Protein backbone atom coordinates (compact mmCIF):
# COMPACT_ATOMS: atom_id res chain seq x y z
CA MET A 1 127.36 38.91 165.61
CA LYS A 2 129.20 39.01 162.33
CA ILE A 3 126.05 38.15 160.43
CA TYR A 4 124.18 40.94 162.18
CA LEU A 5 126.81 43.51 161.28
CA LEU A 6 126.83 42.44 157.66
CA PHE A 7 123.06 42.67 157.55
CA ILE A 8 123.10 46.25 158.90
CA SER A 9 125.71 47.27 156.33
CA PHE A 10 123.58 45.85 153.54
CA LEU A 11 120.57 47.83 154.72
CA ILE A 12 122.58 51.04 154.61
CA ILE A 13 123.61 50.37 151.05
CA ILE A 14 120.18 49.68 149.70
CA THR A 15 118.43 52.53 151.50
CA ALA A 16 120.98 55.25 150.73
CA ASN A 17 119.50 55.97 147.31
CA ALA A 18 118.75 59.28 145.70
CA SER A 19 115.18 60.42 146.23
CA VAL A 20 112.75 61.02 143.39
CA ASP A 21 110.11 63.76 143.53
CA THR A 22 107.30 64.29 141.06
CA VAL A 23 106.19 67.90 141.10
CA ALA A 24 103.44 69.69 139.19
CA ILE A 25 104.82 72.96 137.82
CA PHE A 26 102.34 75.56 136.66
CA SER A 27 103.17 77.06 133.29
CA LYS A 28 102.00 80.66 133.04
CA SER A 29 102.67 80.62 129.32
CA MET A 30 100.42 77.57 128.72
CA HIS A 31 97.99 78.05 131.62
CA LYS A 32 98.31 74.52 132.99
CA SER A 33 100.27 72.42 135.45
CA ILE A 34 102.82 69.99 133.99
CA ASN A 35 104.54 67.12 135.78
CA THR A 36 108.29 67.04 136.24
CA VAL A 37 110.56 64.48 137.92
CA VAL A 38 113.32 65.75 140.21
CA ILE A 39 116.07 63.35 141.29
CA LYS A 40 118.01 64.44 144.37
CA PRO A 41 121.21 62.83 145.65
CA SER A 42 120.79 60.80 148.85
CA TYR A 43 122.83 63.30 150.85
CA TYR A 44 120.80 66.29 149.62
CA SER A 45 120.82 69.15 152.11
CA THR A 46 119.31 72.61 152.01
CA THR A 47 122.61 73.97 153.32
CA THR A 48 124.43 72.91 150.14
CA ARG A 49 123.95 74.25 146.60
CA TYR A 50 123.80 71.65 143.82
CA PRO A 51 124.24 71.94 140.05
CA THR A 52 121.30 70.79 137.94
CA VAL A 53 121.06 68.79 134.72
CA TYR A 54 117.80 69.12 132.77
CA LEU A 55 117.19 65.81 131.00
CA LEU A 56 114.62 65.80 128.19
CA HIS A 57 112.57 62.88 126.84
CA GLY A 58 111.94 62.01 123.21
CA TYR A 59 109.01 62.07 120.82
CA SER A 60 105.85 60.40 122.23
CA GLY A 61 107.51 60.24 125.65
CA LYS A 62 106.81 61.87 128.99
CA TYR A 63 108.41 63.13 132.19
CA SER A 64 108.73 59.68 133.80
CA ASP A 65 110.51 57.98 130.89
CA TRP A 66 114.05 58.53 132.08
CA ILE A 67 113.59 57.35 135.66
CA ARG A 68 111.52 54.32 134.62
CA LYS A 69 113.86 53.24 131.84
CA VAL A 70 117.13 54.17 133.53
CA PRO A 71 116.72 53.76 137.30
CA ALA A 72 120.52 53.98 137.56
CA LEU A 73 120.03 57.75 137.32
CA GLN A 74 119.50 57.69 141.08
CA GLN A 75 123.00 56.37 141.60
CA LEU A 76 124.41 58.74 138.99
CA ALA A 77 122.89 61.70 140.85
CA ASP A 78 124.80 60.52 143.89
CA ASP A 79 128.03 59.83 142.02
CA ASP A 80 128.04 63.12 140.14
CA HIS A 81 126.77 65.27 143.03
CA LEU A 82 123.89 66.90 141.18
CA LEU A 83 120.16 67.24 140.72
CA ILE A 84 118.55 65.73 137.63
CA VAL A 85 115.32 67.32 136.41
CA CYS A 86 113.14 65.52 133.84
CA PRO A 87 110.34 67.77 132.56
CA ASP A 88 107.37 66.74 130.49
CA GLY A 89 107.85 68.15 127.00
CA GLY A 90 104.54 66.96 125.62
CA PHE A 91 103.96 64.19 123.11
CA SER A 92 105.59 66.08 120.25
CA SER A 93 106.49 69.63 121.25
CA TRP A 94 110.06 69.48 119.96
CA TYR A 95 110.60 71.98 122.79
CA PHE A 96 109.45 74.85 120.61
CA ASP A 97 107.35 77.90 121.28
CA SER A 98 105.29 77.00 118.26
CA PRO A 99 105.01 79.87 115.77
CA ILE A 100 101.70 78.47 114.49
CA ASP A 101 100.06 77.17 117.69
CA SER A 102 100.10 79.48 120.70
CA SER A 103 99.10 76.64 123.04
CA TYR A 104 102.55 75.10 122.59
CA ARG A 105 105.08 77.14 124.58
CA TYR A 106 107.53 74.45 125.60
CA GLU A 107 110.63 76.53 124.93
CA THR A 108 109.44 79.07 127.49
CA PHE A 109 108.30 76.34 129.87
CA VAL A 110 111.49 74.25 129.84
CA ALA A 111 114.09 76.98 129.44
CA ILE A 112 112.60 79.65 131.71
CA GLU A 113 109.66 78.55 133.84
CA ILE A 114 111.04 75.24 135.08
CA PRO A 115 114.51 76.53 136.08
CA SER A 116 112.79 79.38 137.91
CA PHE A 117 110.63 76.90 139.84
CA ILE A 118 113.50 74.51 140.58
CA ASP A 119 115.73 77.31 141.86
CA ALA A 120 112.92 78.56 144.09
CA HIS A 121 112.09 75.16 145.60
CA TYR A 122 115.42 73.31 145.67
CA SER A 123 118.91 74.16 146.84
CA THR A 124 120.58 74.83 143.50
CA ILE A 125 123.42 76.80 142.02
CA ALA A 126 121.05 79.35 140.51
CA ASN A 127 123.08 80.59 137.57
CA ARG A 128 124.23 79.31 134.18
CA ASN A 129 127.43 77.85 135.64
CA GLY A 130 125.27 75.44 137.62
CA ARG A 131 122.88 74.36 134.85
CA ALA A 132 123.13 72.00 131.87
CA ILE A 133 120.52 70.63 129.48
CA THR A 134 120.46 67.53 127.30
CA GLY A 135 118.09 64.83 126.11
CA LEU A 136 117.41 61.99 123.71
CA SER A 137 116.03 62.12 120.15
CA MET A 138 113.46 64.96 120.12
CA GLY A 139 114.92 65.88 123.50
CA GLY A 140 118.41 65.81 122.00
CA HIS A 141 117.29 68.44 119.55
CA GLY A 142 115.76 70.27 122.50
CA GLY A 143 118.98 70.12 124.52
CA LEU A 144 121.07 71.83 121.85
CA PHE A 145 118.26 74.11 120.63
CA LEU A 146 117.49 75.46 124.09
CA GLY A 147 121.13 75.45 125.16
CA TYR A 148 122.11 77.69 122.28
CA ARG A 149 119.09 79.97 122.44
CA HIS A 150 119.26 80.33 126.23
CA ALA A 151 122.98 80.33 126.95
CA ASP A 152 122.26 82.92 129.64
CA ILE A 153 120.35 80.16 131.49
CA PHE A 154 122.44 77.06 130.65
CA GLY A 155 126.21 76.97 130.63
CA ALA A 156 126.39 73.53 129.03
CA CYS A 157 124.21 71.58 126.62
CA GLY A 158 124.09 68.21 124.92
CA SER A 159 122.21 65.68 122.85
CA MET A 160 121.91 61.91 122.56
CA SER A 161 120.73 60.60 119.19
CA GLY A 162 119.26 64.03 118.55
CA GLY A 163 117.04 64.94 115.60
CA VAL A 164 119.36 67.85 114.87
CA ASN A 165 118.26 68.37 111.27
CA LEU A 166 114.51 68.92 110.94
CA ASP A 167 114.62 68.20 107.20
CA TYR A 168 114.91 64.51 108.06
CA SER A 169 111.62 64.74 109.94
CA ARG A 170 109.45 66.17 107.18
CA ASN A 171 106.09 64.41 107.45
CA LYS A 172 107.37 62.64 110.59
CA PHE A 173 107.18 63.08 114.34
CA ASP A 174 104.58 65.91 114.17
CA VAL A 175 107.21 68.56 113.37
CA MET A 176 104.91 70.06 110.75
CA LYS A 177 102.20 70.50 113.39
CA ARG A 178 104.57 72.62 115.45
CA ILE A 179 106.25 74.87 112.85
CA GLY A 180 104.05 74.63 109.75
CA ASP A 181 104.47 73.09 106.33
CA THR A 182 107.65 73.33 104.31
CA ILE A 183 106.14 75.62 101.64
CA ASN A 184 104.25 78.36 103.47
CA HIS A 185 106.55 78.21 106.50
CA ALA A 186 109.84 77.28 104.86
CA ASP A 187 111.76 79.77 106.98
CA ASN A 188 110.69 78.00 110.15
CA TRP A 189 112.34 74.78 109.00
CA LYS A 190 115.63 76.64 108.81
CA LYS A 191 115.19 78.81 111.87
CA TYR A 192 114.22 75.99 114.24
CA SER A 193 116.69 73.31 113.13
CA VAL A 194 119.75 72.83 115.35
CA LEU A 195 121.89 72.36 112.24
CA ASN A 196 121.21 76.05 111.49
CA VAL A 197 120.81 77.36 115.03
CA VAL A 198 124.52 76.67 115.57
CA ASP A 199 125.39 79.25 112.92
CA THR A 200 125.07 81.85 115.67
CA TYR A 201 127.33 80.97 118.57
CA PRO A 202 126.08 82.33 121.92
CA LYS A 203 127.78 85.45 123.25
CA ASP A 204 128.31 83.45 126.44
CA SER A 205 130.58 80.50 125.72
CA ILE A 206 128.80 77.18 126.14
CA ALA A 207 130.12 73.66 126.75
CA ILE A 208 128.76 71.20 124.18
CA ILE A 209 128.57 67.40 124.05
CA PHE A 210 126.56 65.22 121.67
CA ASP A 211 126.66 61.64 120.51
CA CYS A 212 124.89 59.17 118.27
CA GLY A 213 124.99 55.47 117.50
CA VAL A 214 126.37 54.56 114.08
CA ASP A 215 123.25 52.47 113.35
CA ASP A 216 120.86 55.27 114.29
CA PHE A 217 118.70 56.87 111.59
CA PHE A 218 119.86 60.29 112.88
CA TYR A 219 123.55 59.33 112.62
CA SER A 220 124.38 61.11 109.34
CA ASP A 221 122.83 64.37 110.57
CA ASN A 222 124.78 64.22 113.83
CA LYS A 223 127.96 63.55 111.89
CA ALA A 224 127.17 66.54 109.67
CA LEU A 225 126.63 68.72 112.74
CA HIS A 226 129.99 67.62 114.14
CA ASN A 227 131.75 68.40 110.85
CA LYS A 228 130.08 71.80 110.70
CA LEU A 229 131.19 72.72 114.22
CA VAL A 230 134.72 71.57 113.43
CA ALA A 231 134.75 73.80 110.34
CA MET A 232 133.46 76.69 112.47
CA HIS A 233 136.18 76.04 115.09
CA VAL A 234 133.55 75.58 117.79
CA LYS A 235 134.88 73.54 120.68
CA HIS A 236 132.72 70.51 121.47
CA ASP A 237 132.82 66.84 122.42
CA TYR A 238 131.37 64.48 119.83
CA ILE A 239 131.07 60.72 120.31
CA GLU A 240 129.92 58.03 117.91
CA ARG A 241 129.77 54.42 119.00
CA PRO A 242 127.95 51.22 118.05
CA GLY A 243 124.27 51.60 118.80
CA LYS A 244 120.75 52.17 117.56
CA HIS A 245 117.93 54.56 118.43
CA ASP A 246 116.90 52.75 121.61
CA TRP A 247 117.08 52.73 125.39
CA GLN A 248 120.03 50.37 125.45
CA TYR A 249 122.04 53.09 123.75
CA TRP A 250 120.67 56.00 125.83
CA SER A 251 121.10 54.27 129.19
CA ASN A 252 124.79 53.98 128.35
CA ALA A 253 125.20 57.41 126.75
CA VAL A 254 123.66 59.36 129.62
CA GLU A 255 126.40 58.25 131.99
CA TYR A 256 129.06 59.86 129.78
CA GLN A 257 127.02 63.02 129.36
CA LEU A 258 126.49 63.43 133.09
CA TYR A 259 130.21 62.95 133.68
CA PHE A 260 130.94 65.67 131.09
CA PHE A 261 128.59 68.04 132.89
CA LYS A 262 130.08 67.12 136.27
CA LYS A 263 133.53 68.17 135.01
CA TYR A 264 132.04 71.37 133.60
CA PHE A 265 130.45 72.21 136.95
CA GLN A 266 133.69 71.51 138.81
CA ARG A 267 135.62 73.87 136.54
CA ASN A 268 133.15 76.62 137.31
CA GLU A 269 132.87 76.24 141.06
């Protein structure tokens, strides 16, 4: 009898996981359907409204990267009482509405079209106080870039190992394909870089967290961004810790970021 009871308890533990949906969201701006992962807590109910964290992948990645590489996100969705949405940002969109290629409208897709779809199809807190956005590498740039430019949509934003200074990525990571060369389109390299986007603080206050490993090739730019925000007296959380530009670092960092967003959501309930 004791063995039977223990066995039943074990079954409850292993089956009470968050559920993972893969949905195809049609982008009106790009005229195509794009896959997105949605992680719901195990106790998800349509009678409860949940905050949502939009979690972006990096360069050459796709929508399924986060859940495949960090399956612990299912438990974190449970622990932090939230939805986690992982959109496909294309191989190298940098989450821009490209000023030189009208087929790339990933700023519109991720910042406007996806939240609209998620709010319509899931039980969410459908305002900026219930939304946050972050990501890794290219997606880290996207998290801060979209968070700042769409503070009416997202109340909190973040970055993990983000490529926050596009100058580092000249002739790398397809940035030039998205915003043009550095001679004829020099203004784009300033306008679209997070290091300059932060010069204009949103009229709606926004909660900010970003981090980077000290052995990451983006470390010096993240440190520079932190120093700039300090000089501007912009409140933010900045973390640097041992680590490289890899999944070992991001699987650890995301837990801290989600906790930060959880506390933000609780303050705004």
